Amino acid sequence: AGSEIVRVTTPTLGEAQCLEEIKAKTREQYMD
């Protein structure tokens, strides 16, 4: 839609660890 940077809430260490998979899947399914 045009958001050139996308922010993700990261309130705990558990959410921070999820970012690895989020980043990888976004790159795999779409782009970096």
PDB file of all heavy atoms in Angstrom:
ATOM      1  N   ALA A   1       0.811  -1.220   0.000  1.00  0.00           N
ATOM      2  CA  ALA A   1       0.000   0.000   0.000  1.00  0.00           C
ATOM      3  C   ALA A   1       0.843   1.268   0.000  1.00  0.00           C
ATOM      4  O   ALA A   1       0.335   2.350  -0.281  1.00  0.00           O
ATOM      5  CB  ALA A   1      -0.939   0.009   1.194  1.00  0.00           C
ATOM      6  N   GLY A   2       2.152   1.136   0.324  1.00  0.00           N
ATOM      7  CA  GLY A   2       3.022   2.305   0.290  1.00  0.00           C
ATOM      8  C   GLY A   2       3.785   2.607   1.550  1.00  0.00           C
ATOM      9  O   GLY A   2       4.501   3.608   1.619  1.00  0.00           O
ATOM     10  N   SER A   3       3.656   1.770   2.598  1.00  0.00           N
ATOM     11  CA  SER A   3       4.431   1.979   3.820  1.00  0.00           C
ATOM     12  C   SER A   3       5.857   1.488   3.574  1.00  0.00           C
ATOM     13  O   SER A   3       6.102   0.288   3.479  1.00  0.00           O
ATOM     14  CB  SER A   3       3.805   1.236   4.997  1.00  0.00           C
ATOM     15  OG  SER A   3       4.539   1.471   6.178  1.00  0.00           O
ATOM     16  N   GLU A   4       6.791   2.409   3.516  1.00  0.00           N
ATOM     17  CA  GLU A   4       8.158   2.059   3.147  1.00  0.00           C
ATOM     18  C   GLU A   4       8.956   1.451   4.295  1.00  0.00           C
ATOM     19  O   GLU A   4       9.959   0.788   4.079  1.00  0.00           O
ATOM     20  CB  GLU A   4       8.854   3.301   2.592  1.00  0.00           C
ATOM     21  CG  GLU A   4       8.218   3.744   1.273  1.00  0.00           C
ATOM     22  CD  GLU A   4       8.483   5.185   0.921  1.00  0.00           C
ATOM     23  OE1 GLU A   4       8.100   6.059   1.709  1.00  0.00           O
ATOM     24  OE2 GLU A   4       9.037   5.441  -0.154  1.00  0.00           O
ATOM     25  N   ILE A   5       8.505   1.695   5.524  1.00  0.00           N
ATOM     26  CA  ILE A   5       9.051   1.070   6.727  1.00  0.00           C
ATOM     27  C   ILE A   5       7.858   0.599   7.545  1.00  0.00           C
ATOM     28  O   ILE A   5       6.862   1.309   7.667  1.00  0.00           O
ATOM     29  CB  ILE A   5       9.904   2.057   7.545  1.00  0.00           C
ATOM     30  CG1 ILE A   5      11.079   2.580   6.710  1.00  0.00           C
ATOM     31  CG2 ILE A   5      10.418   1.407   8.824  1.00  0.00           C
ATOM     32  CD1 ILE A   5      11.809   3.750   7.368  1.00  0.00           C
ATOM     33  N   VAL A   6       7.955  -0.596   8.113  1.00  0.00           N
ATOM     34  CA  VAL A   6       6.856  -1.141   8.906  1.00  0.00           C
ATOM     35  C   VAL A   6       7.374  -1.458  10.305  1.00  0.00           C
ATOM     36  O   VAL A   6       8.383  -2.141  10.469  1.00  0.00           O
ATOM     37  CB  VAL A   6       6.256  -2.403   8.261  1.00  0.00           C
ATOM     38  CG1 VAL A   6       5.106  -2.924   9.125  1.00  0.00           C
ATOM     39  CG2 VAL A   6       5.759  -2.100   6.846  1.00  0.00           C
ATOM     40  N   ARG A   7       6.662  -0.966  11.324  1.00  0.00           N
ATOM     41  CA  ARG A   7       7.072  -1.145  12.716  1.00  0.00           C
ATOM     42  C   ARG A   7       6.283  -2.287  13.349  1.00  0.00           C
ATOM     43  O   ARG A   7       5.082  -2.456  13.096  1.00  0.00           O
ATOM     44  CB  ARG A   7       6.861   0.163  13.473  1.00  0.00           C
ATOM     45  CG  ARG A   7       7.385   0.203  14.889  1.00  0.00           C
ATOM     46  CD  ARG A   7       7.789   1.611  15.342  1.00  0.00           C
ATOM     47  NE  ARG A   7       6.788   2.613  15.097  1.00  0.00           N
ATOM     48  CZ  ARG A   7       6.093   3.240  16.066  1.00  0.00           C
ATOM     49  NH1 ARG A   7       6.323   2.950  17.341  1.00  0.00           N
ATOM     50  NH2 ARG A   7       5.213   4.157  15.760  1.00  0.00           N
ATOM     51  N   VAL A   8       6.968  -3.045  14.207  1.00  0.00           N
ATOM     52  CA  VAL A   8       6.377  -4.207  14.882  1.00  0.00           C
ATOM     53  C   VAL A   8       6.605  -4.054  16.376  1.00  0.00           C
ATOM     54  O   VAL A   8       7.732  -3.821  16.816  1.00  0.00           O
ATOM     55  CB  VAL A   8       7.013  -5.517  14.384  1.00  0.00           C
ATOM     56  CG1 VAL A   8       6.360  -6.718  15.076  1.00  0.00           C
ATOM     57  CG2 VAL A   8       6.890  -5.650  12.867  1.00  0.00           C
ATOM     58  N   THR A   9       5.545  -4.175  17.169  1.00  0.00           N
ATOM     59  CA  THR A   9       5.699  -4.052  18.606  1.00  0.00           C
ATOM     60  C   THR A   9       6.496  -5.223  19.164  1.00  0.00           C
ATOM     61  O   THR A   9       6.310  -6.383  18.770  1.00  0.00           O
ATOM     62  CB  THR A   9       4.325  -3.949  19.297  1.00  0.00           C
ATOM     63  OG1 THR A   9       4.523  -3.677  20.689  1.00  0.00           O
ATOM     64  CG2 THR A   9       3.509  -5.230  19.145  1.00  0.00           C
ATOM     65  N   THR A  10       7.405  -4.917  20.107  1.00  0.00           N
ATOM     66  CA  THR A  10       8.299  -5.928  20.657  1.00  0.00           C
ATOM     67  C   THR A  10       8.405  -5.718  22.158  1.00  0.00           C
ATOM     68  O   THR A  10       9.436  -5.261  22.685  1.00  0.00           O
ATOM     69  CB  THR A  10       9.689  -5.825  19.989  1.00  0.00           C
ATOM     70  OG1 THR A  10       9.538  -5.661  18.563  1.00  0.00           O
ATOM     71  CG2 THR A  10      10.510  -7.087  20.234  1.00  0.00           C
ATOM     72  N   PRO A  11       7.372  -6.100  22.922  1.00  0.00           N
ATOM     73  CA  PRO A  11       7.347  -5.783  24.358  1.00  0.00           C
ATOM     74  C   PRO A  11       8.169  -6.719  25.236  1.00  0.00           C
ATOM     75  O   PRO A  11       8.524  -6.348  26.354  1.00  0.00           O
ATOM     76  CB  PRO A  11       5.860  -5.882  24.702  1.00  0.00           C
ATOM     77  CG  PRO A  11       5.304  -6.853  23.707  1.00  0.00           C
ATOM     78  CD  PRO A  11       6.090  -6.642  22.449  1.00  0.00           C
ATOM     79  N   THR A  12       8.464  -7.946  24.773  1.00  0.00           N
ATOM     80  CA  THR A  12       9.205  -8.892  25.588  1.00  0.00           C
ATOM     81  C   THR A  12      10.257  -9.600  24.739  1.00  0.00           C
ATOM     82  O   THR A  12      10.272  -9.498  23.506  1.00  0.00           O
ATOM     83  CB  THR A  12       8.284  -9.964  26.204  1.00  0.00           C
ATOM     84  OG1 THR A  12       7.833 -10.863  25.168  1.00  0.00           O
ATOM     85  CG2 THR A  12       7.079  -9.347  26.903  1.00  0.00           C
ATOM     86  N   LEU A  13      11.111 -10.345  25.411  1.00  0.00           N
ATOM     87  CA  LEU A  13      12.141 -11.103  24.716  1.00  0.00           C
ATOM     88  C   LEU A  13      11.523 -12.142  23.785  1.00  0.00           C
ATOM     89  O   LEU A  13      12.059 -12.438  22.714  1.00  0.00           O
ATOM     90  CB  LEU A  13      13.063 -11.774  25.737  1.00  0.00           C
ATOM     91  CG  LEU A  13      14.357 -12.381  25.215  1.00  0.00           C
ATOM     92  CD1 LEU A  13      15.220 -11.340  24.530  1.00  0.00           C
ATOM     93  CD2 LEU A  13      15.137 -13.040  26.359  1.00  0.00           C
ATOM     94  N   GLY A  14      10.387 -12.705  24.186  1.00  0.00           N
ATOM     95  CA  GLY A  14       9.711 -13.682  23.334  1.00  0.00           C
ATOM     96  C   GLY A  14       9.305 -13.093  21.997  1.00  0.00           C
ATOM     97  O   GLY A  14       9.479 -13.725  20.944  1.00  0.00           O
ATOM     98  N   GLU A  15       8.738 -11.884  22.009  1.00  0.00           N
ATOM     99  CA  GLU A  15       8.377 -11.219  20.755  1.00  0.00           C
ATOM    100  C   GLU A  15       9.620 -10.897  19.923  1.00  0.00           C
ATOM    101  O   GLU A  15       9.609 -11.015  18.698  1.00  0.00           O
ATOM    102  CB  GLU A  15       7.604  -9.925  21.028  1.00  0.00           C
ATOM    103  CG  GLU A  15       6.125 -10.104  21.263  1.00  0.00           C
ATOM    104  CD  GLU A  15       5.798 -10.496  22.679  1.00  0.00           C
ATOM    105  OE1 GLU A  15       6.725 -10.463  23.538  1.00  0.00           O
ATOM    106  OE2 GLU A  15       4.624 -10.838  22.981  1.00  0.00           O
ATOM    107  N   ALA A  16      10.702 -10.490  20.588  1.00  0.00           N
ATOM    108  CA  ALA A  16      11.937 -10.195  19.865  1.00  0.00           C
ATOM    109  C   ALA A  16      12.441 -11.423  19.116  1.00  0.00           C
ATOM    110  O   ALA A  16      12.915 -11.328  17.977  1.00  0.00           O
ATOM    111  CB  ALA A  16      13.000  -9.689  20.832  1.00  0.00           C
ATOM    112  N   GLN A  17      12.325 -12.580  19.734  1.00  0.00           N
ATOM    113  CA  GLN A  17      12.771 -13.811  19.087  1.00  0.00           C
ATOM    114  C   GLN A  17      11.877 -14.199  17.912  1.00  0.00           C
ATOM    115  O   GLN A  17      12.341 -14.837  16.957  1.00  0.00           O
ATOM    116  CB  GLN A  17      12.842 -14.927  20.123  1.00  0.00           C
ATOM    117  CG  GLN A  17      13.943 -14.697  21.160  1.00  0.00           C
ATOM    118  CD  GLN A  17      13.827 -15.574  22.382  1.00  0.00           C
ATOM    119  OE1 GLN A  17      12.773 -16.166  22.651  1.00  0.00           O
ATOM    120  NE2 GLN A  17      14.912 -15.654  23.163  1.00  0.00           N
ATOM    121  N   CYS A  18      10.622 -13.788  17.943  1.00  0.00           N
ATOM    122  CA  CYS A  18       9.713 -14.040  16.822  1.00  0.00           C
ATOM    123  C   CYS A  18      10.103 -13.247  15.568  1.00  0.00           C
ATOM    124  O   CYS A  18       9.717 -13.618  14.454  1.00  0.00           O
ATOM    125  CB  CYS A  18       8.279 -13.701  17.206  1.00  0.00           C
ATOM    126  SG  CYS A  18       7.528 -14.829  18.387  1.00  0.00           S
ATOM    127  N   LEU A  19      10.813 -12.155  15.757  1.00  0.00           N
ATOM    128  CA  LEU A  19      11.172 -11.308  14.626  1.00  0.00           C
ATOM    129  C   LEU A  19      12.014 -12.032  13.591  1.00  0.00           C
ATOM    130  O   LEU A  19      11.950 -11.712  12.407  1.00  0.00           O
ATOM    131  CB  LEU A  19      11.907 -10.061  15.125  1.00  0.00           C
ATOM    132  CG  LEU A  19      11.095  -9.100  16.003  1.00  0.00           C
ATOM    133  CD1 LEU A  19      11.997  -7.996  16.551  1.00  0.00           C
ATOM    134  CD2 LEU A  19       9.930  -8.504  15.224  1.00  0.00           C
ATOM    135  N   GLU A  20      12.813 -12.983  14.031  1.00  0.00           N
ATOM    136  CA  GLU A  20      13.633 -13.732  13.074  1.00  0.00           C
ATOM    137  C   GLU A  20      12.748 -14.441  12.053  1.00  0.00           C
ATOM    138  O   GLU A  20      12.988 -14.361  10.842  1.00  0.00           O
ATOM    139  CB  GLU A  20      14.506 -14.756  13.802  1.00  0.00           C
ATOM    140  CG  GLU A  20      15.385 -15.568  12.854  1.00  0.00           C
ATOM    141  CD  GLU A  20      16.299 -16.552  13.571  1.00  0.00           C
ATOM    142  OE1 GLU A  20      16.042 -16.842  14.764  1.00  0.00           O
ATOM    143  OE2 GLU A  20      17.264 -17.036  12.954  1.00  0.00           O
ATOM    144  N   GLU A  21      11.715 -15.127  12.532  1.00  0.00           N
ATOM    145  CA  GLU A  21      10.818 -15.844  11.632  1.00  0.00           C
ATOM    146  C   GLU A  21       9.973 -14.880  10.806  1.00  0.00           C
ATOM    147  O   GLU A  21       9.735 -15.120   9.617  1.00  0.00           O
ATOM    148  CB  GLU A  21       9.917 -16.791  12.435  1.00  0.00           C
ATOM    149  CG  GLU A  21       9.088 -17.727  11.562  1.00  0.00           C
ATOM    150  CD  GLU A  21       8.247 -18.708  12.365  1.00  0.00           C
ATOM    151  OE1 GLU A  21       8.298 -18.646  13.622  1.00  0.00           O
ATOM    152  OE2 GLU A  21       7.533 -19.530  11.757  1.00  0.00           O
ATOM    153  N   ILE A  22       9.520 -13.794  11.414  1.00  0.00           N
ATOM    154  CA  ILE A  22       8.733 -12.794  10.679  1.00  0.00           C
ATOM    155  C   ILE A  22       9.545 -12.227   9.524  1.00  0.00           C
ATOM    156  O   ILE A  22       9.068 -12.117   8.390  1.00  0.00           O
ATOM    157  CB  ILE A  22       8.270 -11.676  11.623  1.00  0.00           C
ATOM    158  CG1 ILE A  22       7.222 -12.209  12.608  1.00  0.00           C
ATOM    159  CG2 ILE A  22       7.702 -10.497  10.833  1.00  0.00           C
ATOM    160  CD1 ILE A  22       6.868 -11.218  13.705  1.00  0.00           C
ATOM    161  N   LYS A  23      10.779 -11.863   9.806  1.00  0.00           N
ATOM    162  CA  LYS A  23      11.646 -11.304   8.767  1.00  0.00           C
ATOM    163  C   LYS A  23      11.901 -12.323   7.666  1.00  0.00           C
ATOM    164  O   LYS A  23      11.817 -11.998   6.476  1.00  0.00           O
ATOM    165  CB  LYS A  23      12.963 -10.847   9.398  1.00  0.00           C
ATOM    166  CG  LYS A  23      13.869 -10.062   8.478  1.00  0.00           C
ATOM    167  CD  LYS A  23      13.361  -8.672   8.208  1.00  0.00           C
ATOM    168  CE  LYS A  23      14.430  -7.806   7.570  1.00  0.00           C
ATOM    169  NZ  LYS A  23      13.948  -6.484   7.148  1.00  0.00           N
ATOM    170  N   ALA A  24      12.202 -13.555   8.036  1.00  0.00           N
ATOM    171  CA  ALA A  24      12.515 -14.588   7.045  1.00  0.00           C
ATOM    172  C   ALA A  24      11.314 -14.911   6.170  1.00  0.00           C
ATOM    173  O   ALA A  24      11.438 -15.041   4.943  1.00  0.00           O
ATOM    174  CB  ALA A  24      13.010 -15.849   7.758  1.00  0.00           C
ATOM    175  N   LYS A  25      10.146 -15.048   6.779  1.00  0.00           N
ATOM    176  CA  LYS A  25       8.946 -15.384   6.003  1.00  0.00           C
ATOM    177  C   LYS A  25       8.522 -14.238   5.092  1.00  0.00           C
ATOM    178  O   LYS A  25       8.054 -14.464   3.979  1.00  0.00           O
ATOM    179  CB  LYS A  25       7.805 -15.776   6.944  1.00  0.00           C
ATOM    180  CG  LYS A  25       7.939 -17.176   7.519  1.00  0.00           C
ATOM    181  CD  LYS A  25       6.656 -17.607   8.205  1.00  0.00           C
ATOM    182  CE  LYS A  25       6.706 -19.080   8.582  1.00  0.00           C
ATOM    183  NZ  LYS A  25       5.438 -19.559   9.200  1.00  0.00           N
ATOM    184  N   THR A  26       8.663 -13.001   5.571  1.00  0.00           N
ATOM    185  CA  THR A  26       8.338 -11.852   4.725  1.00  0.00           C
ATOM    186  C   THR A  26       9.244 -11.822   3.503  1.00  0.00           C
ATOM    187  O   THR A  26       8.786 -11.599   2.370  1.00  0.00           O
ATOM    188  CB  THR A  26       8.485 -10.536   5.519  1.00  0.00           C
ATOM    189  OG1 THR A  26       7.648 -10.573   6.671  1.00  0.00           O
ATOM    190  CG2 THR A  26       8.092  -9.346   4.657  1.00  0.00           C
ATOM    191  N   ARG A  27      10.520 -12.059   3.694  1.00  0.00           N
ATOM    192  CA  ARG A  27      11.481 -12.086   2.597  1.00  0.00           C
ATOM    193  C   ARG A  27      11.169 -13.238   1.633  1.00  0.00           C
ATOM    194  O   ARG A  27      11.227 -13.073   0.411  1.00  0.00           O
ATOM    195  CB  ARG A  27      12.902 -12.229   3.143  1.00  0.00           C
ATOM    196  CG  ARG A  27      13.999 -12.070   2.094  1.00  0.00           C
ATOM    197  CD  ARG A  27      15.366 -12.345   2.695  1.00  0.00           C
ATOM    198  NE  ARG A  27      15.723 -11.376   3.710  1.00  0.00           N
ATOM    199  CZ  ARG A  27      15.889 -11.655   4.997  1.00  0.00           C
ATOM    200  NH1 ARG A  27      15.727 -12.906   5.438  1.00  0.00           N
ATOM    201  NH2 ARG A  27      16.215 -10.703   5.864  1.00  0.00           N
ATOM    202  N   GLU A  28      10.814 -14.399   2.174  1.00  0.00           N
ATOM    203  CA  GLU A  28      10.538 -15.573   1.357  1.00  0.00           C
ATOM    204  C   GLU A  28       9.258 -15.403   0.541  1.00  0.00           C
ATOM    205  O   GLU A  28       9.215 -15.739  -0.643  1.00  0.00           O
ATOM    206  CB  GLU A  28      10.431 -16.806   2.253  1.00  0.00           C
ATOM    207  CG  GLU A  28      10.087 -18.107   1.524  1.00  0.00           C
ATOM    208  CD  GLU A  28       9.878 -19.264   2.481  1.00  0.00           C
ATOM    209  OE1 GLU A  28      10.282 -19.160   3.670  1.00  0.00           O
ATOM    210  OE2 GLU A  28       9.287 -20.271   2.061  1.00  0.00           O
ATOM    211  N   GLN A  29       8.218 -14.855   1.168  1.00  0.00           N
ATOM    212  CA  GLN A  29       6.922 -14.755   0.501  1.00  0.00           C
ATOM    213  C   GLN A  29       6.784 -13.515  -0.375  1.00  0.00           C
ATOM    214  O   GLN A  29       5.949 -13.478  -1.277  1.00  0.00           O
ATOM    215  CB  GLN A  29       5.809 -14.755   1.548  1.00  0.00           C
ATOM    216  CG  GLN A  29       5.719 -16.039   2.360  1.00  0.00           C
ATOM    217  CD  GLN A  29       4.639 -15.982   3.416  1.00  0.00           C
ATOM    218  OE1 GLN A  29       3.682 -15.196   3.317  1.00  0.00           O
ATOM    219  NE2 GLN A  29       4.767 -16.806   4.449  1.00  0.00           N
ATOM    220  N   TYR A  30       7.622 -12.488  -0.114  1.00  0.00           N
ATOM    221  CA  TYR A  30       7.414 -11.210  -0.789  1.00  0.00           C
ATOM    222  C   TYR A  30       8.750 -10.558  -1.134  1.00  0.00           C
ATOM    223  O   TYR A  30       9.237 -10.674  -2.256  1.00  0.00           O
ATOM    224  CB  TYR A  30       6.559 -10.320   0.127  1.00  0.00           C
ATOM    225  CG  TYR A  30       6.314  -8.918  -0.350  1.00  0.00           C
ATOM    226  CD1 TYR A  30       5.695  -8.659  -1.570  1.00  0.00           C
ATOM    227  CD2 TYR A  30       6.689  -7.827   0.449  1.00  0.00           C
ATOM    228  CE1 TYR A  30       5.453  -7.362  -1.994  1.00  0.00           C
ATOM    229  CE2 TYR A  30       6.443  -6.525   0.039  1.00  0.00           C
ATOM    230  CZ  TYR A  30       5.835  -6.295  -1.185  1.00  0.00           C
ATOM    231  OH  TYR A  30       5.606  -5.003  -1.597  1.00  0.00           O
ATOM    232  N   MET A  31       9.339  -9.838  -0.205  1.00  0.00           N
ATOM    233  CA  MET A  31      10.628  -9.191  -0.367  1.00  0.00           C
ATOM    234  C   MET A  31      11.133  -8.768   1.012  1.00  0.00           C
ATOM    235  O   MET A  31      10.439  -8.928   2.015  1.00  0.00           O
ATOM    236  CB  MET A  31      10.529  -7.975  -1.295  1.00  0.00           C
ATOM    237  CG  MET A  31       9.605  -6.882  -0.804  1.00  0.00           C
ATOM    238  SD  MET A  31       9.516  -5.443  -1.927  1.00  0.00           S
ATOM    239  CE  MET A  31      11.168  -4.769  -1.730  1.00  0.00           C
ATOM    240  N   ASP A  32      12.326  -8.210   1.042  1.00  0.00           N
ATOM    241  CA  ASP A  32      12.915  -7.780   2.309  1.00  0.00           C
ATOM    242  C   ASP A  32      12.390  -6.388   2.658  1.00  0.00           C
ATOM    243  O   ASP A  32      12.929  -5.383   2.226  1.00  0.00           O
ATOM    244  CB  ASP A  32      14.442  -7.775   2.205  1.00  0.00           C
ATOM    245  CG  ASP A  32      15.117  -7.622   3.565  1.00  0.00           C
ATOM    246  OD1 ASP A  32      14.411  -7.628   4.596  1.00  0.00           O
ATOM    247  OD2 ASP A  32      16.359  -7.492   3.599  1.00  0.00           O
TER     248      ASP A  32
END
